[in-house]
Amino acid sequence: MARTRALLTERDRELLAEDDGSNRRYQAISEIRSRITEEMSTDVEVLEENHLQLLKELREVVCKNNWYGHILKTWGGELIT
């Protein structure tokens, strides 16, 4: 089975890893942010209405290994909203 992207494309991953402040990197960040705030929210709503098991699986992946705790630790223990 061919792999499909979830949130980031391979190119997004490459651009995020760069530290040169290029315009293309900032464009990628903007596009990713839009996917998170717009598309992901819509997808979650669809899953809530139509397939709770898939929504549960999504939450398990996102919360796996206590990512929330890792994020708090990474940013000095402050909640970033």
C-alpha atoms as a PDB file:
ATOM      1  CA  MET A   1       0.000   0.000   0.000  1.00  0.00           C
ATOM      2  CA  ALA A   2       1.349   3.437  -0.896  1.00  0.00           C
ATOM      3  CA  ARG A   3       1.993   5.838   1.950  1.00  0.00           C
ATOM      4  CA  THR A   4      -0.030   9.006   2.130  1.00  0.00           C
ATOM      5  CA  ARG A   5       0.693  12.086   4.168  1.00  0.00           C
ATOM      6  CA  ALA A   6      -1.055  12.813   7.395  1.00  0.00           C
ATOM      7  CA  LEU A   7      -0.296  16.391   8.355  1.00  0.00           C
ATOM      8  CA  LEU A   8       3.099  17.120   6.803  1.00  0.00           C
ATOM      9  CA  THR A   9       4.367  16.393   3.323  1.00  0.00           C
ATOM     10  CA  GLU A  10       7.946  15.231   2.844  1.00  0.00           C
ATOM     11  CA  ARG A  11       8.764  18.719   1.551  1.00  0.00           C
ATOM     12  CA  ASP A  12       7.155  20.303   4.628  1.00  0.00           C
ATOM     13  CA  ARG A  13       9.406  18.174   6.807  1.00  0.00           C
ATOM     14  CA  GLU A  14      12.475  19.237   4.840  1.00  0.00           C
ATOM     15  CA  LEU A  15      11.560  22.922   5.036  1.00  0.00           C
ATOM     16  CA  LEU A  16      10.849  22.764   8.767  1.00  0.00           C
ATOM     17  CA  ALA A  17      14.265  21.211   9.355  1.00  0.00           C
ATOM     18  CA  GLU A  18      15.976  24.135   7.606  1.00  0.00           C
ATOM     19  CA  ASP A  19      17.082  27.025   9.751  1.00  0.00           C
ATOM     20  CA  ASP A  20      17.720  29.605   7.061  1.00  0.00           C
ATOM     21  CA  GLY A  21      14.568  31.708   7.465  1.00  0.00           C
ATOM     22  CA  SER A  22      13.662  31.287   3.807  1.00  0.00           C
ATOM     23  CA  ASN A  23      10.386  32.584   2.449  1.00  0.00           C
ATOM     24  CA  ARG A  24       9.417  29.060   1.356  1.00  0.00           C
ATOM     25  CA  ARG A  25       9.871  27.814   4.931  1.00  0.00           C
ATOM     26  CA  TYR A  26       7.534  30.523   6.250  1.00  0.00           C
ATOM     27  CA  GLN A  27       4.998  29.666   3.529  1.00  0.00           C
ATOM     28  CA  ALA A  28       5.128  26.006   4.585  1.00  0.00           C
ATOM     29  CA  ILE A  29       4.584  26.973   8.221  1.00  0.00           C
ATOM     30  CA  SER A  30       1.556  29.032   7.235  1.00  0.00           C
ATOM     31  CA  GLU A  31       0.122  26.164   5.179  1.00  0.00           C
ATOM     32  CA  ILE A  32       0.670  23.685   8.015  1.00  0.00           C
ATOM     33  CA  ARG A  33      -0.962  26.046  10.489  1.00  0.00           C
ATOM     34  CA  SER A  34      -3.952  26.327   8.176  1.00  0.00           C
ATOM     35  CA  ARG A  35      -4.210  22.538   7.949  1.00  0.00           C
ATOM     36  CA  ILE A  36      -4.199  22.310  11.734  1.00  0.00           C
ATOM     37  CA  THR A  37      -6.684  25.082  12.443  1.00  0.00           C
ATOM     38  CA  GLU A  38      -9.043  24.558   9.521  1.00  0.00           C
ATOM     39  CA  GLU A  39      -8.759  21.130   7.966  1.00  0.00           C
ATOM     40  CA  MET A  40      -7.941  19.161  11.115  1.00  0.00           C
ATOM     41  CA  SER A  41     -10.830  20.763  12.975  1.00  0.00           C
ATOM     42  CA  THR A  42     -13.206  19.819  10.174  1.00  0.00           C
ATOM     43  CA  ASP A  43     -11.858  16.273  10.092  1.00  0.00           C
ATOM     44  CA  VAL A  44     -12.353  15.909  13.855  1.00  0.00           C
ATOM     45  CA  GLU A  45     -15.942  17.117  13.527  1.00  0.00           C
ATOM     46  CA  VAL A  46     -16.602  14.569  10.771  1.00  0.00           C
ATOM     47  CA  LEU A  47     -15.130  11.799  12.907  1.00  0.00           C
ATOM     48  CA  GLU A  48     -17.189  12.907  15.925  1.00  0.00           C
ATOM     49  CA  GLU A  49     -20.356  12.679  13.864  1.00  0.00           C
ATOM     50  CA  ASN A  50     -19.587   9.563  11.856  1.00  0.00           C
ATOM     51  CA  HIS A  51     -16.925   7.316  13.377  1.00  0.00           C
ATOM     52  CA  LEU A  52     -16.061   7.599  17.055  1.00  0.00           C
ATOM     53  CA  GLN A  53     -13.622   4.689  16.928  1.00  0.00           C
ATOM     54  CA  LEU A  54     -11.445   6.480  14.363  1.00  0.00           C
ATOM     55  CA  LEU A  55     -11.588   9.634  16.472  1.00  0.00           C
ATOM     56  CA  LYS A  56     -10.416   7.613  19.464  1.00  0.00           C
ATOM     57  CA  GLU A  57      -7.535   6.200  17.407  1.00  0.00           C
ATOM     58  CA  LEU A  58      -6.541   9.703  16.307  1.00  0.00           C
ATOM     59  CA  ARG A  59      -6.516  10.913  19.917  1.00  0.00           C
ATOM     60  CA  GLU A  60      -4.414   7.931  20.969  1.00  0.00           C
ATOM     61  CA  VAL A  61      -1.799   8.723  18.313  1.00  0.00           C
ATOM     62  CA  VAL A  62      -1.718  12.433  19.118  1.00  0.00           C
ATOM     63  CA  CYS A  63      -1.503  11.815  22.860  1.00  0.00           C
ATOM     64  CA  LYS A  64       0.857   8.831  22.615  1.00  0.00           C
ATOM     65  CA  ASN A  65       3.940   9.000  24.808  1.00  0.00           C
ATOM     66  CA  ASN A  66       2.485  11.954  26.688  1.00  0.00           C
ATOM     67  CA  TRP A  67       3.279  14.526  23.982  1.00  0.00           C
ATOM     68  CA  TYR A  68       1.463  17.156  26.035  1.00  0.00           C
ATOM     69  CA  GLY A  69       3.871  16.686  28.929  1.00  0.00           C
ATOM     70  CA  HIS A  70       6.826  16.734  26.556  1.00  0.00           C
ATOM     71  CA  ILE A  71       5.640  20.002  25.001  1.00  0.00           C
ATOM     72  CA  LEU A  72       5.237  21.613  28.416  1.00  0.00           C
ATOM     73  CA  LYS A  73       8.718  20.478  29.414  1.00  0.00           C
ATOM     74  CA  THR A  74      10.196  21.708  26.124  1.00  0.00           C
ATOM     75  CA  TRP A  75       8.745  25.187  26.632  1.00  0.00           C
ATOM     76  CA  GLY A  76       9.752  25.546  30.245  1.00  0.00           C
ATOM     77  CA  GLY A  77       6.578  24.161  31.786  1.00  0.00           C
ATOM     78  CA  GLU A  78       4.371  26.980  30.564  1.00  0.00           C
ATOM     79  CA  LEU A  79       1.115  26.219  28.790  1.00  0.00           C
ATOM     80  CA  ILE A  80       1.360  27.547  25.245  1.00  0.00           C
ATOM     81  CA  THR A  81      -2.028  28.350  23.717  1.00  0.00           C
END
